[in-house]
Amino acid sequence: MRLVGDNIDEPGIYPTREALKLADEMELDLVEISPNADPPVCRIIDYQKFLYQQKKRQKEQKQKLAQVTVKEVRFGPNTDDHDYNFKLKHAEKFLRDGDKVKAYVFFKGRSILFKDKGEILLLRLAQDLEEVGKVEQLPRLEGKRMTMFLAPKKKK
């Protein structure tokens, strides 16, 4: 097997018994790093410390992953200006916080006749939020809902 590491005088290929003997003399563990290599690669280290550092690295990687949440903003096809502005401020806040926004117009009963009003409303929202977010999916009718997705713009 090939021995590598900082605490070895001469890294190179050693018989298994000799590698185990060296690890015993140093009061450390012989850890196989790459079993598929030819010959297998091993390192003489403190195994508990190795496991601890591995967990620590995984935890750091998990923290670097961004959690994306989707916030919903609901409109009716005949939403007034005041209600629209109120929901616009909420959507803007969500985008500034780094969340995605799912804006949708819900059509009840015969209000499905006003599909064009709903689409105009969502496109107006997209235009008003142009500086903080970008449209990920244009308005699309799905059953009684017309949905549109907005994603936050990347900060420079």
N, C-alpha and C. Protein backbone atom coordinates (compact mmCIF):
# COMPACT_ATOMS: atom_id res chain seq x y z
N MET A 1 0.83 -1.18 0.00
CA MET A 1 0.00 0.00 0.00
C MET A 1 0.87 1.24 0.00
N ARG A 2 0.31 2.35 -0.54
CA ARG A 2 1.05 3.62 -0.62
C ARG A 2 0.73 4.43 0.63
N LEU A 3 1.76 4.85 1.34
CA LEU A 3 1.59 5.68 2.54
C LEU A 3 1.88 7.13 2.19
N VAL A 4 0.96 8.02 2.59
CA VAL A 4 1.16 9.45 2.39
C VAL A 4 0.86 10.16 3.69
N GLY A 5 1.28 11.41 3.81
CA GLY A 5 0.97 12.18 5.00
C GLY A 5 2.14 13.01 5.47
N ASP A 6 1.86 13.86 6.47
CA ASP A 6 2.87 14.78 6.98
C ASP A 6 3.82 14.10 7.97
N ASN A 7 3.30 13.13 8.73
CA ASN A 7 4.09 12.54 9.81
C ASN A 7 4.93 11.33 9.37
N ILE A 8 5.04 11.10 8.07
CA ILE A 8 5.83 9.98 7.55
C ILE A 8 7.15 10.53 7.00
N ASP A 9 8.26 9.86 7.40
CA ASP A 9 9.57 10.33 6.96
C ASP A 9 9.74 10.16 5.45
N GLU A 10 9.41 8.96 4.96
CA GLU A 10 9.56 8.67 3.54
C GLU A 10 8.25 8.15 2.97
N PRO A 11 7.44 9.02 2.35
CA PRO A 11 6.22 8.51 1.73
C PRO A 11 6.58 7.58 0.58
N GLY A 12 5.80 6.52 0.43
CA GLY A 12 6.08 5.57 -0.63
C GLY A 12 5.25 4.32 -0.45
N ILE A 13 5.65 3.24 -1.12
CA ILE A 13 4.91 1.98 -1.07
C ILE A 13 5.52 1.09 0.01
N TYR A 14 4.66 0.63 0.94
CA TYR A 14 5.07 -0.22 2.06
C TYR A 14 4.20 -1.47 2.09
N PRO A 15 4.74 -2.59 2.61
CA PRO A 15 3.89 -3.76 2.86
C PRO A 15 2.89 -3.44 3.99
N THR A 16 1.77 -4.11 4.01
CA THR A 16 0.71 -3.83 4.98
C THR A 16 1.21 -3.97 6.41
N ARG A 17 1.93 -5.04 6.71
CA ARG A 17 2.43 -5.27 8.08
C ARG A 17 3.33 -4.12 8.54
N GLU A 18 4.20 -3.66 7.65
CA GLU A 18 5.13 -2.60 8.00
C GLU A 18 4.37 -1.28 8.25
N ALA A 19 3.33 -1.01 7.43
CA ALA A 19 2.53 0.20 7.59
C ALA A 19 1.80 0.17 8.93
N LEU A 20 1.25 -1.00 9.30
CA LEU A 20 0.58 -1.15 10.60
C LEU A 20 1.57 -0.97 11.75
N LYS A 21 2.78 -1.49 11.58
CA LYS A 21 3.82 -1.36 12.60
C LYS A 21 4.19 0.11 12.80
N LEU A 22 4.34 0.85 11.70
CA LEU A 22 4.66 2.28 11.78
C LEU A 22 3.55 3.04 12.52
N ALA A 23 2.30 2.72 12.20
CA ALA A 23 1.17 3.38 12.85
C ALA A 23 1.17 3.08 14.35
N ASP A 24 1.46 1.83 14.72
CA ASP A 24 1.52 1.45 16.13
C ASP A 24 2.62 2.21 16.86
N GLU A 25 3.78 2.34 16.23
CA GLU A 25 4.90 3.04 16.85
C GLU A 25 4.55 4.52 17.11
N MET A 26 3.77 5.12 16.21
CA MET A 26 3.38 6.53 16.36
C MET A 26 2.14 6.70 17.24
N GLU A 27 1.55 5.57 17.65
CA GLU A 27 0.31 5.54 18.44
C GLU A 27 -0.81 6.27 17.71
N LEU A 28 -0.90 6.03 16.39
CA LEU A 28 -1.95 6.60 15.56
C LEU A 28 -2.62 5.47 14.79
N ASP A 29 -3.59 5.83 13.93
CA ASP A 29 -4.34 4.83 13.18
C ASP A 29 -3.94 4.86 11.71
N LEU A 30 -4.02 3.68 11.07
CA LEU A 30 -3.76 3.57 9.63
C LEU A 30 -5.13 3.66 8.95
N VAL A 31 -5.36 4.75 8.19
CA VAL A 31 -6.66 4.98 7.56
C VAL A 31 -6.52 4.89 6.05
N GLU A 32 -7.40 4.07 5.46
CA GLU A 32 -7.40 3.90 4.01
C GLU A 32 -8.16 5.06 3.38
N ILE A 33 -7.49 5.84 2.55
CA ILE A 33 -8.10 7.03 1.96
C ILE A 33 -8.70 6.73 0.60
N SER A 34 -7.96 6.02 -0.23
CA SER A 34 -8.42 5.70 -1.58
C SER A 34 -8.27 4.20 -1.83
N PRO A 35 -9.33 3.42 -1.54
CA PRO A 35 -9.21 1.97 -1.68
C PRO A 35 -9.17 1.50 -3.14
N ASN A 36 -9.70 2.30 -4.07
CA ASN A 36 -9.78 1.87 -5.47
C ASN A 36 -8.49 2.11 -6.24
N ALA A 37 -7.56 2.86 -5.65
CA ALA A 37 -6.29 3.13 -6.33
C ALA A 37 -5.44 1.86 -6.36
N ASP A 38 -4.45 1.86 -7.24
CA ASP A 38 -3.56 0.69 -7.33
C ASP A 38 -2.14 1.15 -7.15
N PRO A 39 -1.47 0.96 -6.06
CA PRO A 39 -1.92 0.31 -4.81
C PRO A 39 -2.80 1.26 -3.98
N PRO A 40 -3.59 0.70 -3.02
CA PRO A 40 -4.47 1.54 -2.19
C PRO A 40 -3.67 2.58 -1.41
N VAL A 41 -4.27 3.77 -1.24
CA VAL A 41 -3.57 4.87 -0.56
C VAL A 41 -4.04 4.92 0.89
N CYS A 42 -3.09 4.99 1.82
CA CYS A 42 -3.39 5.05 3.25
C CYS A 42 -2.64 6.21 3.88
N ARG A 43 -3.13 6.63 5.05
CA ARG A 43 -2.50 7.73 5.77
C ARG A 43 -2.48 7.36 7.26
N ILE A 44 -1.41 7.72 7.93
CA ILE A 44 -1.31 7.48 9.37
C ILE A 44 -1.74 8.77 10.07
N ILE A 45 -2.92 8.70 10.71
CA ILE A 45 -3.48 9.87 11.39
C ILE A 45 -4.29 9.42 12.60
N ASP A 46 -4.70 10.38 13.42
CA ASP A 46 -5.61 10.10 14.53
C ASP A 46 -7.01 10.04 13.93
N TYR A 47 -7.63 8.87 13.95
CA TYR A 47 -8.91 8.65 13.25
C TYR A 47 -10.04 9.50 13.83
N GLN A 48 -10.09 9.66 15.15
CA GLN A 48 -11.15 10.47 15.77
C GLN A 48 -11.06 11.93 15.33
N LYS A 49 -9.84 12.42 15.27
CA LYS A 49 -9.62 13.80 14.81
C LYS A 49 -10.03 13.94 13.34
N PHE A 50 -9.73 12.92 12.54
CA PHE A 50 -10.09 12.89 11.12
C PHE A 50 -11.61 12.95 10.96
N LEU A 51 -12.34 12.14 11.74
CA LEU A 51 -13.81 12.15 11.68
C LEU A 51 -14.37 13.50 12.08
N TYR A 52 -13.79 14.09 13.13
CA TYR A 52 -14.24 15.40 13.61
C TYR A 52 -14.08 16.46 12.52
N GLN A 53 -12.93 16.48 11.87
CA GLN A 53 -12.67 17.46 10.82
C GLN A 53 -13.59 17.24 9.61
N GLN A 54 -13.88 15.98 9.31
CA GLN A 54 -14.78 15.66 8.20
C GLN A 54 -16.19 16.19 8.48
N LYS A 55 -16.68 15.97 9.71
CA LYS A 55 -18.01 16.47 10.11
C LYS A 55 -18.05 17.99 10.03
N LYS A 56 -16.97 18.61 10.49
CA LYS A 56 -16.88 20.07 10.48
C LYS A 56 -16.95 20.62 9.06
N ARG A 57 -16.25 19.97 8.12
CA ARG A 57 -16.27 20.39 6.71
C ARG A 57 -17.68 20.25 6.12
N GLN A 58 -18.35 19.13 6.42
CA GLN A 58 -19.70 18.91 5.91
C GLN A 58 -20.66 19.96 6.45
N LYS A 59 -20.50 20.33 7.71
CA LYS A 59 -21.36 21.34 8.32
C LYS A 59 -21.16 22.69 7.65
N GLU A 60 -19.91 23.04 7.36
CA GLU A 60 -19.61 24.30 6.68
C GLU A 60 -20.21 24.33 5.28
N GLN A 61 -20.14 23.21 4.57
CA GLN A 61 -20.71 23.12 3.22
C GLN A 61 -22.22 23.29 3.26
N LYS A 62 -22.86 22.72 4.28
CA LYS A 62 -24.31 22.84 4.43
C LYS A 62 -24.72 24.28 4.65
N GLN A 63 -23.92 25.02 5.44
CA GLN A 63 -24.23 26.41 5.72
C GLN A 63 -24.11 27.27 4.48
N LYS A 64 -23.21 26.91 3.57
CA LYS A 64 -23.00 27.70 2.37
C LYS A 64 -24.15 27.55 1.38
N LEU A 65 -24.89 26.44 1.46
CA LEU A 65 -26.03 26.25 0.56
C LEU A 65 -27.13 27.23 0.92
N ALA A 66 -27.64 27.92 -0.07
CA ALA A 66 -28.70 28.90 0.17
C ALA A 66 -30.06 28.21 0.20
N GLN A 67 -30.83 28.52 1.22
CA GLN A 67 -32.18 27.99 1.34
C GLN A 67 -33.12 28.95 0.61
N VAL A 68 -33.77 28.47 -0.43
CA VAL A 68 -34.69 29.31 -1.19
C VAL A 68 -36.11 28.99 -0.76
N THR A 69 -36.82 30.02 -0.32
CA THR A 69 -38.22 29.82 0.04
C THR A 69 -39.10 30.57 -0.95
N VAL A 70 -40.30 30.05 -1.15
CA VAL A 70 -41.24 30.66 -2.08
C VAL A 70 -42.37 31.28 -1.27
N LYS A 71 -42.55 32.59 -1.43
CA LYS A 71 -43.64 33.30 -0.75
C LYS A 71 -44.74 33.54 -1.77
N GLU A 72 -45.99 33.47 -1.30
CA GLU A 72 -47.12 33.65 -2.21
C GLU A 72 -47.81 34.98 -1.98
N VAL A 73 -48.24 35.60 -3.08
CA VAL A 73 -49.02 36.82 -3.03
C VAL A 73 -50.25 36.57 -3.89
N ARG A 74 -51.43 36.72 -3.29
CA ARG A 74 -52.68 36.38 -3.98
C ARG A 74 -53.46 37.64 -4.37
N PHE A 75 -53.95 37.63 -5.58
CA PHE A 75 -54.76 38.73 -6.08
C PHE A 75 -56.09 38.18 -6.58
N GLY A 76 -57.07 39.08 -6.68
CA GLY A 76 -58.31 38.77 -7.38
C GLY A 76 -58.27 39.51 -8.71
N PRO A 77 -59.11 39.13 -9.67
CA PRO A 77 -59.05 39.81 -10.96
C PRO A 77 -59.45 41.29 -10.88
N ASN A 78 -60.22 41.67 -9.86
CA ASN A 78 -60.67 43.06 -9.72
C ASN A 78 -60.04 43.72 -8.50
N THR A 79 -58.75 43.47 -8.26
CA THR A 79 -58.06 44.05 -7.11
C THR A 79 -57.92 45.55 -7.26
N ASP A 80 -58.30 46.30 -6.20
CA ASP A 80 -58.20 47.76 -6.22
C ASP A 80 -56.74 48.21 -6.12
N ASP A 81 -56.51 49.50 -6.41
CA ASP A 81 -55.15 50.05 -6.39
C ASP A 81 -54.52 49.98 -5.00
N HIS A 82 -55.31 50.29 -3.96
CA HIS A 82 -54.76 50.28 -2.60
C HIS A 82 -54.30 48.87 -2.21
N ASP A 83 -55.15 47.88 -2.48
CA ASP A 83 -54.79 46.49 -2.17
C ASP A 83 -53.58 46.05 -3.00
N TYR A 84 -53.57 46.46 -4.26
CA TYR A 84 -52.46 46.11 -5.14
C TYR A 84 -51.15 46.68 -4.59
N ASN A 85 -51.16 47.96 -4.19
CA ASN A 85 -49.95 48.59 -3.67
C ASN A 85 -49.48 47.92 -2.37
N PHE A 86 -50.44 47.53 -1.53
CA PHE A 86 -50.14 46.85 -0.26
C PHE A 86 -49.42 45.53 -0.54
N LYS A 87 -49.95 44.76 -1.49
CA LYS A 87 -49.35 43.46 -1.82
C LYS A 87 -48.04 43.63 -2.59
N LEU A 88 -47.95 44.72 -3.35
CA LEU A 88 -46.72 45.02 -4.07
C LEU A 88 -45.57 45.24 -3.09
N LYS A 89 -45.85 45.98 -2.00
CA LYS A 89 -44.82 46.23 -0.98
C LYS A 89 -44.37 44.92 -0.33
N HIS A 90 -45.33 44.02 -0.07
CA HIS A 90 -44.98 42.72 0.52
C HIS A 90 -44.09 41.93 -0.45
N ALA A 91 -44.48 41.88 -1.71
CA ALA A 91 -43.70 41.14 -2.71
C ALA A 91 -42.30 41.72 -2.83
N GLU A 92 -42.19 43.05 -2.79
CA GLU A 92 -40.89 43.72 -2.88
C GLU A 92 -40.02 43.34 -1.69
N LYS A 93 -40.62 43.31 -0.49
CA LYS A 93 -39.89 42.93 0.72
C LYS A 93 -39.39 41.49 0.62
N PHE A 94 -40.25 40.59 0.13
CA PHE A 94 -39.85 39.19 -0.03
C PHE A 94 -38.66 39.07 -0.97
N LEU A 95 -38.70 39.79 -2.09
CA LEU A 95 -37.60 39.72 -3.06
C LEU A 95 -36.31 40.30 -2.48
N ARG A 96 -36.42 41.39 -1.72
CA ARG A 96 -35.23 41.98 -1.10
C ARG A 96 -34.62 41.04 -0.07
N ASP A 97 -35.47 40.22 0.59
CA ASP A 97 -34.97 39.25 1.57
C ASP A 97 -34.36 38.02 0.91
N GLY A 98 -34.47 37.94 -0.43
CA GLY A 98 -33.87 36.82 -1.15
C GLY A 98 -34.82 35.65 -1.39
N ASP A 99 -36.10 35.85 -1.16
CA ASP A 99 -37.08 34.79 -1.39
C ASP A 99 -37.68 34.92 -2.78
N LYS A 100 -38.13 33.79 -3.33
CA LYS A 100 -38.86 33.82 -4.59
C LYS A 100 -40.31 34.19 -4.29
N VAL A 101 -40.98 34.77 -5.27
CA VAL A 101 -42.38 35.16 -5.08
C VAL A 101 -43.23 34.46 -6.12
N LYS A 102 -44.31 33.84 -5.65
CA LYS A 102 -45.30 33.23 -6.54
C LYS A 102 -46.53 34.12 -6.45
N ALA A 103 -46.75 34.92 -7.48
CA ALA A 103 -47.91 35.80 -7.51
C ALA A 103 -48.98 35.11 -8.33
N TYR A 104 -50.20 35.10 -7.80
CA TYR A 104 -51.27 34.46 -8.58
C TYR A 104 -52.58 35.20 -8.42
N VAL A 105 -53.38 35.09 -9.48
CA VAL A 105 -54.73 35.65 -9.50
C VAL A 105 -55.68 34.47 -9.42
N PHE A 106 -56.57 34.50 -8.44
CA PHE A 106 -57.52 33.41 -8.24
C PHE A 106 -58.87 33.83 -8.81
N PHE A 107 -59.38 33.05 -9.73
CA PHE A 107 -60.67 33.35 -10.35
C PHE A 107 -61.76 32.51 -9.70
N LYS A 108 -62.80 33.20 -9.16
CA LYS A 108 -63.93 32.50 -8.55
C LYS A 108 -65.13 32.59 -9.48
N GLY A 109 -65.82 31.49 -9.62
CA GLY A 109 -67.07 31.48 -10.39
C GLY A 109 -66.92 32.06 -11.78
N ARG A 110 -67.73 33.09 -12.06
CA ARG A 110 -67.74 33.67 -13.42
C ARG A 110 -66.60 34.66 -13.65
N SER A 111 -65.81 34.94 -12.62
CA SER A 111 -64.71 35.89 -12.80
C SER A 111 -63.65 35.33 -13.75
N ILE A 112 -63.76 34.06 -14.13
CA ILE A 112 -62.83 33.46 -15.10
C ILE A 112 -62.94 34.18 -16.45
N LEU A 113 -64.03 34.91 -16.64
CA LEU A 113 -64.21 35.69 -17.87
C LEU A 113 -63.18 36.81 -17.97
N PHE A 114 -62.61 37.22 -16.83
CA PHE A 114 -61.66 38.34 -16.80
C PHE A 114 -60.21 37.85 -16.81
N LYS A 115 -59.94 36.84 -17.62
CA LYS A 115 -58.56 36.31 -17.69
C LYS A 115 -57.57 37.41 -18.09
N ASP A 116 -58.01 38.23 -19.05
CA ASP A 116 -57.10 39.29 -19.52
C ASP A 116 -56.80 40.30 -18.41
N LYS A 117 -57.78 40.58 -17.53
CA LYS A 117 -57.53 41.49 -16.40
C LYS A 117 -56.48 40.90 -15.46
N GLY A 118 -56.60 39.61 -15.22
CA GLY A 118 -55.64 38.93 -14.35
C GLY A 118 -54.24 38.97 -14.92
N GLU A 119 -54.13 38.73 -16.22
CA GLU A 119 -52.82 38.74 -16.87
C GLU A 119 -52.22 40.15 -16.84
N ILE A 120 -53.05 41.15 -17.10
CA ILE A 120 -52.58 42.53 -17.07
C ILE A 120 -52.08 42.89 -15.67
N LEU A 121 -52.81 42.43 -14.65
CA LEU A 121 -52.42 42.68 -13.25
C LEU A 121 -51.06 42.07 -12.94
N LEU A 122 -50.84 40.83 -13.35
CA LEU A 122 -49.56 40.16 -13.07
C LEU A 122 -48.41 40.80 -13.85
N LEU A 123 -48.66 41.19 -15.08
CA LEU A 123 -47.61 41.84 -15.87
C LEU A 123 -47.27 43.22 -15.30
N ARG A 124 -48.28 43.90 -14.76
CA ARG A 124 -48.06 45.19 -14.11
C ARG A 124 -47.18 45.00 -12.86
N LEU A 125 -47.47 43.92 -12.12
CA LEU A 125 -46.67 43.59 -10.93
C LEU A 125 -45.22 43.33 -11.33
N ALA A 126 -45.02 42.56 -12.41
CA ALA A 126 -43.67 42.26 -12.88
C ALA A 126 -42.93 43.54 -13.26
N GLN A 127 -43.65 44.46 -13.90
CA GLN A 127 -43.04 45.72 -14.32
C GLN A 127 -42.67 46.57 -13.10
N ASP A 128 -43.55 46.60 -12.09
CA ASP A 128 -43.29 47.39 -10.89
C ASP A 128 -42.14 46.81 -10.06
N LEU A 129 -41.92 45.51 -10.14
CA LEU A 129 -40.86 44.86 -9.36
C LEU A 129 -39.59 44.63 -10.19
N GLU A 130 -39.52 45.27 -11.35
CA GLU A 130 -38.42 45.05 -12.28
C GLU A 130 -37.05 45.32 -11.67
N GLU A 131 -36.95 46.32 -10.79
CA GLU A 131 -35.64 46.68 -10.25
C GLU A 131 -35.15 45.74 -9.16
N VAL A 132 -36.05 44.99 -8.48
CA VAL A 132 -35.63 44.08 -7.41
C VAL A 132 -35.73 42.61 -7.80
N GLY A 133 -36.52 42.30 -8.83
CA GLY A 133 -36.69 40.90 -9.21
C GLY A 133 -36.85 40.74 -10.70
N LYS A 134 -36.66 39.49 -11.14
CA LYS A 134 -36.85 39.20 -12.57
C LYS A 134 -37.88 38.09 -12.70
N VAL A 135 -38.61 38.10 -13.80
CA VAL A 135 -39.66 37.11 -14.03
C VAL A 135 -39.00 35.78 -14.37
N GLU A 136 -39.39 34.77 -13.60
CA GLU A 136 -38.87 33.43 -13.84
C GLU A 136 -39.83 32.64 -14.73
N GLN A 137 -41.12 32.91 -14.57
CA GLN A 137 -42.13 32.27 -15.40
C GLN A 137 -43.24 33.29 -15.66
N LEU A 138 -43.55 33.52 -16.91
CA LEU A 138 -44.60 34.47 -17.27
C LEU A 138 -45.96 33.94 -16.83
N PRO A 139 -46.98 34.82 -16.73
CA PRO A 139 -48.30 34.38 -16.28
C PRO A 139 -48.83 33.22 -17.12
N ARG A 140 -49.31 32.19 -16.39
CA ARG A 140 -49.83 31.00 -17.06
C ARG A 140 -51.08 30.55 -16.32
N LEU A 141 -52.13 30.26 -17.05
CA LEU A 141 -53.40 29.84 -16.45
C LEU A 141 -53.37 28.34 -16.16
N GLU A 142 -53.63 28.00 -14.91
CA GLU A 142 -53.69 26.59 -14.48
C GLU A 142 -54.99 26.40 -13.72
N GLY A 143 -56.01 25.93 -14.40
CA GLY A 143 -57.31 25.75 -13.75
C GLY A 143 -57.94 27.10 -13.45
N LYS A 144 -58.18 27.37 -12.17
CA LYS A 144 -58.78 28.64 -11.77
C LYS A 144 -57.74 29.66 -11.31
N ARG A 145 -56.48 29.35 -11.51
CA ARG A 145 -55.39 30.24 -11.08
C ARG A 145 -54.53 30.65 -12.26
N MET A 146 -54.11 31.89 -12.24
CA MET A 146 -53.10 32.36 -13.20
C MET A 146 -51.87 32.69 -12.36
N THR A 147 -50.78 31.95 -12.57
CA THR A 147 -49.60 32.12 -11.72
C THR A 147 -48.42 32.70 -12.49
N MET A 148 -47.56 33.36 -11.73
CA MET A 148 -46.33 33.93 -12.27
C MET A 148 -45.27 33.84 -11.16
N PHE A 149 -44.05 33.46 -11.52
CA PHE A 149 -42.96 33.36 -10.54
C PHE A 149 -41.95 34.46 -10.76
N LEU A 150 -41.50 35.06 -9.65
CA LEU A 150 -40.48 36.10 -9.68
C LEU A 150 -39.31 35.65 -8.80
N ALA A 151 -38.11 35.90 -9.27
CA ALA A 151 -36.91 35.56 -8.49
C ALA A 151 -36.15 36.84 -8.20
N PRO A 152 -35.47 36.91 -7.04
CA PRO A 152 -34.70 38.12 -6.73
C PRO A 152 -33.52 38.29 -7.68
N LYS A 153 -33.18 39.53 -7.98
CA LYS A 153 -32.02 39.81 -8.82
C LYS A 153 -30.77 39.60 -7.99
N LYS A 154 -29.71 39.19 -8.64
CA LYS A 154 -28.43 38.98 -7.94
C LYS A 154 -27.87 40.31 -7.49
N LYS A 155 -27.36 40.34 -6.25
CA LYS A 155 -26.75 41.57 -5.73
C LYS A 155 -25.34 41.68 -6.26
N LYS A 156 -24.94 42.89 -6.62
CA LYS A 156 -23.60 43.11 -7.18
C LYS A 156 -22.67 43.64 -6.13
